[in-house]
Each structure stands twice: as C-alpha cells, then as structure tokens.
Amino acid sequence: MIKKVKIGIIQSKISDNIQKNINSAIKNIKKAASKKAKIICVPELFLSNYFCQTESHSNFKLAEKIPGRTTKIFCELAKDLQIVLMISLFEKKTHGFYHNTSIVISEKGKILSKYRKMHIPDDPGYYEKFYFTPGDLGFKSVKTKFGKIGPLICWDQWFPEAARLTALKGAQIIFYPTAIGWHPKEKKKFGKSQLDSWITMQKSHAIANGTYVVAIN
C-alpha cells in the first residue's frame, strides 16, 4: 500500500427514485475525488431506499445483473476520475438466486472483484433472508493501485471471523458499506448503546487484525 491514501465515504439521504440516487452518488463521488480521495465507497444498496424493511415480491424488480446497467455507469466514472470505486448492488445471479453484492472497480474502469454478503440478517425491519442468498465467493483481498482492500458488507461486521479471514487474505483496509439504523420503538431506550456497540465493533476489527476499517452508513 502506498504510504498515505485518502479515502472518500459517501453518506447521503436515499430516495425512492433510482435515477435520483444515481445522480446523487455521481455528484458526491465527484466531490470526493475533487478533494483527492483515491478510494471511494458508497453505502449498501444505495440505488433505493432500504427495501428489506418489508417482505414484498415486487422489490425483486430492483435486482440487476453484474455487470449490467449500473456497473457500466460507475465503471466509466471510476475511469474518468482515476479512482478505485466500491458500490453495493442487489444482484440477480440467475432465476431464483439473488445476492447483496459489493464490487470493486479499478481506476481503469474494470471490475476487479465481486463479493457477495455472507451473513444475512433476519430481524424485524431487516428481512434480508427473504431477498438474499448467502454469499458463495468467499472472503477476499483485492489488489488495487492504492492498496489491498477487503470488501465486506454491513451485517458481516458483527462477526469477527469475516474480518479475520479477510485480513488473512492480505487486506490492508476493510470496507463495510452499510444500511443500518434503529428500530423506531428501540431508539429512545437502546439507541446510544447500539451506536456505541457498532463503533466498538469497527475498532475491534482494526485492532485485532492490524488493518484499517472503513464503515459507510
């Protein structure tokens, strides 16, 4: 890894309009790149509101192939800006098989790697098992121009094995694009302790594995 690299994390309000969300992401990625960020990551499932709050077959229309229409847009953007870019998508692998997937795009506009979320939650407001099959590509370290990065996703961050195996693969920076929040009925009573626990987990992964950790919500 180069001695110093600036990382851009994109955290913005998501709407129910996919094109609006794409435009917002592009705008913010360009802004981060203008500030010399070389590795930029957007939140988990950034194309739409977090649809896993309910179980609805109509939401499967949000899924897409990788590579596909969205990856084409962001591959071109990464090449234009000369950045490494990470995006998280609802992937349609084949009929009946869907994944929560993160891809790493090089500064040349090429897809370097694809990671499918391993740990799938199934709690009130997080009905991801209705939509996603657990990942089948394993944990990995992706060599980029700016260092070796380890793509993980959201719920993976609550399992130390994911960070450990990713670090053992050689990752120097672990990324967790995330869509997380409080259950409305729990925030007042448990919100602060839940936030503190979330931050503690990120710190523990970094300390235990000797890596940098980047979490994007």
C-alpha atoms as a PDB file:
ATOM      1  CA  MET A   1       0.000   0.000   0.000  1.00  0.00           C
ATOM      2  CA  ILE A   2       1.239   3.496  -0.714  1.00  0.00           C
ATOM      3  CA  LYS A   3       2.286   5.364   2.441  1.00  0.00           C
ATOM      4  CA  LYS A   4      -0.786   7.564   2.501  1.00  0.00           C
ATOM      5  CA  VAL A   5      -4.100   7.312   0.655  1.00  0.00           C
ATOM      6  CA  LYS A   6      -7.187   9.474   1.044  1.00  0.00           C
ATOM      7  CA  ILE A   7     -10.472   7.588   1.308  1.00  0.00           C
ATOM      8  CA  GLY A   8     -13.866   9.036   0.441  1.00  0.00           C
ATOM      9  CA  ILE A   9     -17.013   7.695   2.099  1.00  0.00           C
ATOM     10  CA  ILE A  10     -20.341   8.714   0.603  1.00  0.00           C
ATOM     11  CA  GLN A  11     -23.160   9.071   3.125  1.00  0.00           C
ATOM     12  CA  SER A  12     -26.313  10.724   1.806  1.00  0.00           C
ATOM     13  CA  LYS A  13     -30.082  10.607   2.006  1.00  0.00           C
ATOM     14  CA  ILE A  14     -31.592   7.952  -0.262  1.00  0.00           C
ATOM     15  CA  SER A  15     -34.918   8.455  -2.051  1.00  0.00           C
ATOM     16  CA  ASP A  16     -37.317   6.060  -3.773  1.00  0.00           C
ATOM     17  CA  ASN A  17     -36.162   7.334  -7.186  1.00  0.00           C
ATOM     18  CA  ILE A  18     -33.309   5.225  -8.572  1.00  0.00           C
ATOM     19  CA  GLN A  19     -32.115   7.765 -11.132  1.00  0.00           C
ATOM     20  CA  LYS A  20     -32.097  10.485  -8.499  1.00  0.00           C
ATOM     21  CA  ASN A  21     -29.973   8.258  -6.259  1.00  0.00           C
ATOM     22  CA  ILE A  22     -27.557   7.526  -9.106  1.00  0.00           C
ATOM     23  CA  ASN A  23     -27.220  11.236  -9.850  1.00  0.00           C
ATOM     24  CA  SER A  24     -26.645  11.988  -6.173  1.00  0.00           C
ATOM     25  CA  ALA A  25     -23.977   9.296  -5.901  1.00  0.00           C
ATOM     26  CA  ILE A  26     -22.192  10.571  -9.011  1.00  0.00           C
ATOM     27  CA  LYS A  27     -22.241  14.125  -7.679  1.00  0.00           C
ATOM     28  CA  ASN A  28     -20.851  13.088  -4.301  1.00  0.00           C
ATOM     29  CA  ILE A  29     -18.224  10.781  -5.798  1.00  0.00           C
ATOM     30  CA  LYS A  30     -17.001  13.619  -7.998  1.00  0.00           C
ATOM     31  CA  LYS A  31     -16.902  15.892  -4.958  1.00  0.00           C
ATOM     32  CA  ALA A  32     -14.813  13.370  -3.011  1.00  0.00           C
ATOM     33  CA  ALA A  33     -12.485  12.868  -5.979  1.00  0.00           C
ATOM     34  CA  SER A  34     -12.025  16.640  -6.275  1.00  0.00           C
ATOM     35  CA  LYS A  35     -10.719  16.522  -2.692  1.00  0.00           C
ATOM     36  CA  LYS A  36      -8.102  13.954  -3.774  1.00  0.00           C
ATOM     37  CA  ALA A  37      -9.863  10.823  -2.491  1.00  0.00           C
ATOM     38  CA  LYS A  38      -8.429   7.802  -4.314  1.00  0.00           C
ATOM     39  CA  ILE A  39     -10.627   5.037  -2.904  1.00  0.00           C
ATOM     40  CA  ILE A  40     -14.322   5.894  -2.672  1.00  0.00           C
ATOM     41  CA  CYS A  41     -17.181   3.772  -1.332  1.00  0.00           C
ATOM     42  CA  VAL A  42     -20.946   4.309  -1.313  1.00  0.00           C
ATOM     43  CA  PRO A  43     -23.466   2.825   1.191  1.00  0.00           C
ATOM     44  CA  GLU A  44     -25.002  -0.612   0.990  1.00  0.00           C
ATOM     45  CA  LEU A  45     -27.795  -0.923  -1.621  1.00  0.00           C
ATOM     46  CA  PHE A  46     -27.525   2.784  -2.445  1.00  0.00           C
ATOM     47  CA  LEU A  47     -29.811   2.680  -5.503  1.00  0.00           C
ATOM     48  CA  SER A  48     -33.014   2.622  -3.462  1.00  0.00           C
ATOM     49  CA  ASN A  49     -34.449   3.001  -0.007  1.00  0.00           C
ATOM     50  CA  TYR A  50     -33.679   0.043   2.237  1.00  0.00           C
ATOM     51  CA  PHE A  51     -36.413  -2.216   0.873  1.00  0.00           C
ATOM     52  CA  CYS A  52     -35.669  -5.088   3.279  1.00  0.00           C
ATOM     53  CA  GLN A  53     -37.831  -3.437   5.939  1.00  0.00           C
ATOM     54  CA  THR A  54     -40.704  -5.418   4.420  1.00  0.00           C
ATOM     55  CA  GLU A  55     -41.141  -8.681   2.528  1.00  0.00           C
ATOM     56  CA  SER A  56     -42.537  -7.942  -0.924  1.00  0.00           C
ATOM     57  CA  HIS A  57     -42.044  -9.819  -4.189  1.00  0.00           C
ATOM     58  CA  SER A  58     -42.365  -6.526  -6.048  1.00  0.00           C
ATOM     59  CA  ASN A  59     -38.945  -5.497  -4.731  1.00  0.00           C
ATOM     60  CA  PHE A  60     -37.210  -8.158  -6.800  1.00  0.00           C
ATOM     61  CA  LYS A  61     -37.601  -5.857  -9.788  1.00  0.00           C
ATOM     62  CA  LEU A  62     -34.810  -3.784  -8.211  1.00  0.00           C
ATOM     63  CA  ALA A  63     -32.286  -6.574  -8.792  1.00  0.00           C
ATOM     64  CA  GLU A  64     -29.901  -6.484 -11.740  1.00  0.00           C
ATOM     65  CA  LYS A  65     -27.136  -8.439 -13.385  1.00  0.00           C
ATOM     66  CA  ILE A  66     -23.459  -7.732 -12.687  1.00  0.00           C
ATOM     67  CA  PRO A  67     -22.010  -6.495 -14.942  1.00  0.00           C
ATOM     68  CA  GLY A  68     -25.059  -4.537 -16.042  1.00  0.00           C
ATOM     69  CA  ARG A  69     -26.563  -1.107 -16.485  1.00  0.00           C
ATOM     70  CA  THR A  70     -25.388   0.329 -13.165  1.00  0.00           C
ATOM     71  CA  THR A  71     -21.886  -1.102 -13.254  1.00  0.00           C
ATOM     72  CA  LYS A  72     -21.404   0.398 -16.726  1.00  0.00           C
ATOM     73  CA  ILE A  73     -22.169   3.886 -15.388  1.00  0.00           C
ATOM     74  CA  PHE A  74     -19.820   3.605 -12.426  1.00  0.00           C
ATOM     75  CA  CYS A  75     -17.023   1.850 -14.302  1.00  0.00           C
ATOM     76  CA  GLU A  76     -16.933   4.798 -16.687  1.00  0.00           C
ATOM     77  CA  LEU A  77     -16.998   7.211 -13.741  1.00  0.00           C
ATOM     78  CA  ALA A  78     -14.089   5.483 -11.983  1.00  0.00           C
ATOM     79  CA  LYS A  79     -12.051   5.623 -15.180  1.00  0.00           C
ATOM     80  CA  ASP A  80     -12.847   9.293 -15.776  1.00  0.00           C
ATOM     81  CA  LEU A  81     -11.882  10.232 -12.210  1.00  0.00           C
ATOM     82  CA  GLN A  82      -8.957   7.786 -11.952  1.00  0.00           C
ATOM     83  CA  ILE A  83     -10.235   6.362  -8.670  1.00  0.00           C
ATOM     84  CA  VAL A  84     -10.914   2.967  -7.144  1.00  0.00           C
ATOM     85  CA  LEU A  85     -14.658   2.760  -6.546  1.00  0.00           C
ATOM     86  CA  MET A  86     -16.763   0.376  -4.470  1.00  0.00           C
ATOM     87  CA  ILE A  87     -20.511   0.052  -4.985  1.00  0.00           C
ATOM     88  CA  SER A  88     -23.110  -2.268  -3.447  1.00  0.00           C
ATOM     89  CA  LEU A  89     -25.955  -3.692  -5.541  1.00  0.00           C
ATOM     90  CA  PHE A  90     -28.933  -6.064  -5.393  1.00  0.00           C
ATOM     91  CA  GLU A  91     -27.593  -8.726  -7.745  1.00  0.00           C
ATOM     92  CA  LYS A  92     -29.677 -11.159  -9.772  1.00  0.00           C
ATOM     93  CA  LYS A  93     -27.349 -14.127 -10.187  1.00  0.00           C
ATOM     94  CA  THR A  94     -29.868 -16.283 -12.005  1.00  0.00           C
ATOM     95  CA  HIS A  95     -33.566 -17.107 -11.728  1.00  0.00           C
ATOM     96  CA  GLY A  96     -34.347 -17.630  -8.045  1.00  0.00           C
ATOM     97  CA  PHE A  97     -30.885 -16.672  -6.778  1.00  0.00           C
ATOM     98  CA  TYR A  98     -30.205 -13.145  -5.579  1.00  0.00           C
ATOM     99  CA  HIS A  99     -27.324 -11.633  -3.633  1.00  0.00           C
ATOM    100  CA  ASN A 100     -26.339  -8.477  -1.771  1.00  0.00           C
ATOM    101  CA  THR A 101     -23.131  -7.772  -3.670  1.00  0.00           C
ATOM    102  CA  SER A 102     -20.220  -5.349  -3.484  1.00  0.00           C
ATOM    103  CA  ILE A 103     -17.940  -4.756  -6.457  1.00  0.00           C
ATOM    104  CA  VAL A 104     -14.524  -3.139  -6.635  1.00  0.00           C
ATOM    105  CA  ILE A 105     -13.827  -1.064  -9.754  1.00  0.00           C
ATOM    106  CA  SER A 106     -10.301  -0.047 -10.742  1.00  0.00           C
ATOM    107  CA  GLU A 107      -9.103   3.370 -11.878  1.00  0.00           C
ATOM    108  CA  LYS A 108      -9.080   1.859 -15.374  1.00  0.00           C
ATOM    109  CA  GLY A 109     -12.821   1.238 -15.194  1.00  0.00           C
ATOM    110  CA  LYS A 110     -12.543  -2.540 -14.829  1.00  0.00           C
ATOM    111  CA  ILE A 111     -14.364  -4.706 -12.296  1.00  0.00           C
ATOM    112  CA  LEU A 112     -11.565  -6.169 -10.176  1.00  0.00           C
ATOM    113  CA  SER A 113     -13.646  -8.269  -7.838  1.00  0.00           C
ATOM    114  CA  LYS A 114     -17.105  -9.163  -6.650  1.00  0.00           C
ATOM    115  CA  TYR A 115     -18.044 -10.061  -3.072  1.00  0.00           C
ATOM    116  CA  ARG A 116     -21.421 -11.457  -2.050  1.00  0.00           C
ATOM    117  CA  LYS A 117     -22.559 -10.772   1.506  1.00  0.00           C
ATOM    118  CA  MET A 118     -22.080 -13.855   3.658  1.00  0.00           C
ATOM    119  CA  HIS A 119     -24.052 -13.047   6.806  1.00  0.00           C
ATOM    120  CA  ILE A 120     -27.723 -12.347   6.132  1.00  0.00           C
ATOM    121  CA  PRO A 121     -29.876 -10.876   8.937  1.00  0.00           C
ATOM    122  CA  ASP A 122     -33.476 -11.808   9.589  1.00  0.00           C
ATOM    123  CA  ASP A 123     -34.804  -9.461  12.258  1.00  0.00           C
ATOM    124  CA  PRO A 124     -37.760  -7.040  12.449  1.00  0.00           C
ATOM    125  CA  GLY A 125     -37.084  -4.366   9.848  1.00  0.00           C
ATOM    126  CA  TYR A 126     -34.180  -6.356   8.367  1.00  0.00           C
ATOM    127  CA  TYR A 127     -35.833  -9.149   6.399  1.00  0.00           C
ATOM    128  CA  GLU A 128     -32.845  -9.810   4.182  1.00  0.00           C
ATOM    129  CA  LYS A 129     -33.214 -13.601   4.089  1.00  0.00           C
ATOM    130  CA  PHE A 130     -36.389 -13.065   2.081  1.00  0.00           C
ATOM    131  CA  TYR A 131     -34.272 -11.457  -0.660  1.00  0.00           C
ATOM    132  CA  PHE A 132     -30.677 -12.639  -0.474  1.00  0.00           C
ATOM    133  CA  THR A 133     -28.874 -15.962  -0.675  1.00  0.00           C
ATOM    134  CA  PRO A 134     -25.689 -16.103   1.454  1.00  0.00           C
ATOM    135  CA  GLY A 135     -22.534 -15.377  -0.499  1.00  0.00           C
ATOM    136  CA  ASP A 136     -20.703 -18.095  -2.408  1.00  0.00           C
ATOM    137  CA  LEU A 137     -17.492 -16.325  -3.437  1.00  0.00           C
ATOM    138  CA  GLY A 138     -15.602 -16.409  -0.141  1.00  0.00           C
ATOM    139  CA  PHE A 139     -13.704 -13.653   1.617  1.00  0.00           C
ATOM    140  CA  LYS A 140     -11.017 -11.870  -0.333  1.00  0.00           C
ATOM    141  CA  SER A 141      -8.330  -9.233  -0.580  1.00  0.00           C
ATOM    142  CA  VAL A 142      -8.403  -7.139  -3.735  1.00  0.00           C
ATOM    143  CA  LYS A 143      -5.142  -5.674  -5.001  1.00  0.00           C
ATOM    144  CA  THR A 144      -5.630  -2.125  -6.269  1.00  0.00           C
ATOM    145  CA  LYS A 145      -3.321   0.685  -7.314  1.00  0.00           C
ATOM    146  CA  PHE A 146      -3.748   2.243  -3.871  1.00  0.00           C
ATOM    147  CA  GLY A 147      -3.531  -0.824  -1.643  1.00  0.00           C
ATOM    148  CA  LYS A 148      -5.148  -4.171  -0.853  1.00  0.00           C
ATOM    149  CA  ILE A 149      -8.766  -3.779   0.182  1.00  0.00           C
ATOM    150  CA  GLY A 150     -11.192  -6.225   1.716  1.00  0.00           C
ATOM    151  CA  PRO A 151     -14.853  -5.852   0.741  1.00  0.00           C
ATOM    152  CA  LEU A 152     -17.383  -6.910   3.363  1.00  0.00           C
ATOM    153  CA  ILE A 153     -20.982  -5.740   3.813  1.00  0.00           C
ATOM    154  CA  CYS A 154     -22.982  -4.479   6.806  1.00  0.00           C
ATOM    155  CA  TRP A 155     -24.075  -7.479   8.925  1.00  0.00           C
ATOM    156  CA  ASP A 156     -20.701  -9.123   8.282  1.00  0.00           C
ATOM    157  CA  GLN A 157     -19.300  -6.561  10.717  1.00  0.00           C
ATOM    158  CA  TRP A 158     -20.876  -8.323  13.701  1.00  0.00           C
ATOM    159  CA  PHE A 159     -18.889 -11.499  13.040  1.00  0.00           C
ATOM    160  CA  PRO A 160     -15.150 -11.379  13.846  1.00  0.00           C
ATOM    161  CA  GLU A 161     -14.451 -14.329  11.558  1.00  0.00           C
ATOM    162  CA  ALA A 162     -15.263 -12.257   8.469  1.00  0.00           C
ATOM    163  CA  ALA A 163     -12.706  -9.574   9.285  1.00  0.00           C
ATOM    164  CA  ARG A 164     -10.122 -12.156  10.364  1.00  0.00           C
ATOM    165  CA  LEU A 165     -10.391 -14.223   7.183  1.00  0.00           C
ATOM    166  CA  THR A 166     -10.341 -11.090   5.036  1.00  0.00           C
ATOM    167  CA  ALA A 167      -7.228  -9.821   6.815  1.00  0.00           C
ATOM    168  CA  LEU A 168      -5.544 -13.218   6.464  1.00  0.00           C
ATOM    169  CA  LYS A 169      -6.096 -12.925   2.726  1.00  0.00           C
ATOM    170  CA  GLY A 170      -3.900  -9.821   2.867  1.00  0.00           C
ATOM    171  CA  ALA A 171      -6.397  -6.958   3.083  1.00  0.00           C
ATOM    172  CA  GLN A 172      -4.933  -3.739   4.478  1.00  0.00           C
ATOM    173  CA  ILE A 173      -8.211  -1.789   4.518  1.00  0.00           C
ATOM    174  CA  ILE A 174     -11.549  -3.462   5.283  1.00  0.00           C
ATOM    175  CA  PHE A 175     -14.692  -1.779   3.964  1.00  0.00           C
ATOM    176  CA  TYR A 176     -18.215  -2.208   5.334  1.00  0.00           C
ATOM    177  CA  PRO A 177     -20.806  -0.451   3.157  1.00  0.00           C
ATOM    178  CA  THR A 178     -23.798  -0.435   5.463  1.00  0.00           C
ATOM    179  CA  ALA A 179     -27.521   0.275   5.769  1.00  0.00           C
ATOM    180  CA  ILE A 180     -28.195   0.263   9.478  1.00  0.00           C
ATOM    181  CA  GLY A 181     -30.312   2.135  11.960  1.00  0.00           C
ATOM    182  CA  TRP A 182     -32.545   1.768  14.957  1.00  0.00           C
ATOM    183  CA  HIS A 183     -35.911   0.108  15.171  1.00  0.00           C
ATOM    184  CA  PRO A 184     -38.245   3.089  15.842  1.00  0.00           C
ATOM    185  CA  LYS A 185     -39.507   1.541  19.072  1.00  0.00           C
ATOM    186  CA  GLU A 186     -35.977   0.908  20.356  1.00  0.00           C
ATOM    187  CA  LYS A 187     -34.105   4.107  19.576  1.00  0.00           C
ATOM    188  CA  LYS A 188     -35.027   6.063  22.704  1.00  0.00           C
ATOM    189  CA  LYS A 189     -34.078   3.271  25.097  1.00  0.00           C
ATOM    190  CA  PHE A 190     -31.305   1.458  23.261  1.00  0.00           C
ATOM    191  CA  GLY A 191     -30.094   3.875  20.578  1.00  0.00           C
ATOM    192  CA  LYS A 192     -26.952   5.107  22.298  1.00  0.00           C
ATOM    193  CA  SER A 193     -25.825   1.664  23.445  1.00  0.00           C
ATOM    194  CA  GLN A 194     -26.448   0.227  19.964  1.00  0.00           C
ATOM    195  CA  LEU A 195     -24.402   3.008  18.366  1.00  0.00           C
ATOM    196  CA  ASP A 196     -21.600   2.545  20.894  1.00  0.00           C
ATOM    197  CA  SER A 197     -21.569  -1.199  20.210  1.00  0.00           C
ATOM    198  CA  TRP A 198     -21.408  -0.601  16.456  1.00  0.00           C
ATOM    199  CA  ILE A 199     -18.436   1.749  16.795  1.00  0.00           C
ATOM    200  CA  THR A 200     -16.710  -0.637  19.211  1.00  0.00           C
ATOM    201  CA  MET A 201     -17.013  -3.479  16.697  1.00  0.00           C
ATOM    202  CA  GLN A 202     -15.294  -1.468  13.970  1.00  0.00           C
ATOM    203  CA  LYS A 203     -12.458  -0.520  16.312  1.00  0.00           C
ATOM    204  CA  SER A 204     -12.046  -4.108  17.490  1.00  0.00           C
ATOM    205  CA  HIS A 205     -11.688  -5.419  13.924  1.00  0.00           C
ATOM    206  CA  ALA A 206      -8.969  -2.863  13.226  1.00  0.00           C
ATOM    207  CA  ILE A 207      -7.063  -3.570  16.437  1.00  0.00           C
ATOM    208  CA  ALA A 208      -7.346  -7.365  16.340  1.00  0.00           C
ATOM    209  CA  ASN A 209      -6.340  -7.668  12.692  1.00  0.00           C
ATOM    210  CA  GLY A 210      -3.895  -4.801  12.287  1.00  0.00           C
ATOM    211  CA  THR A 211      -5.941  -3.277   9.475  1.00  0.00           C
ATOM    212  CA  TYR A 212      -7.741  -0.050   8.753  1.00  0.00           C
ATOM    213  CA  VAL A 213     -11.543  -0.278   8.850  1.00  0.00           C
ATOM    214  CA  VAL A 214     -13.942   1.942   6.909  1.00  0.00           C
ATOM    215  CA  ALA A 215     -17.691   1.797   7.633  1.00  0.00           C
ATOM    216  CA  ILE A 216     -20.158   3.688   5.448  1.00  0.00           C
ATOM    217  CA  ASN A 217     -23.791   4.048   6.515  1.00  0.00           C
END
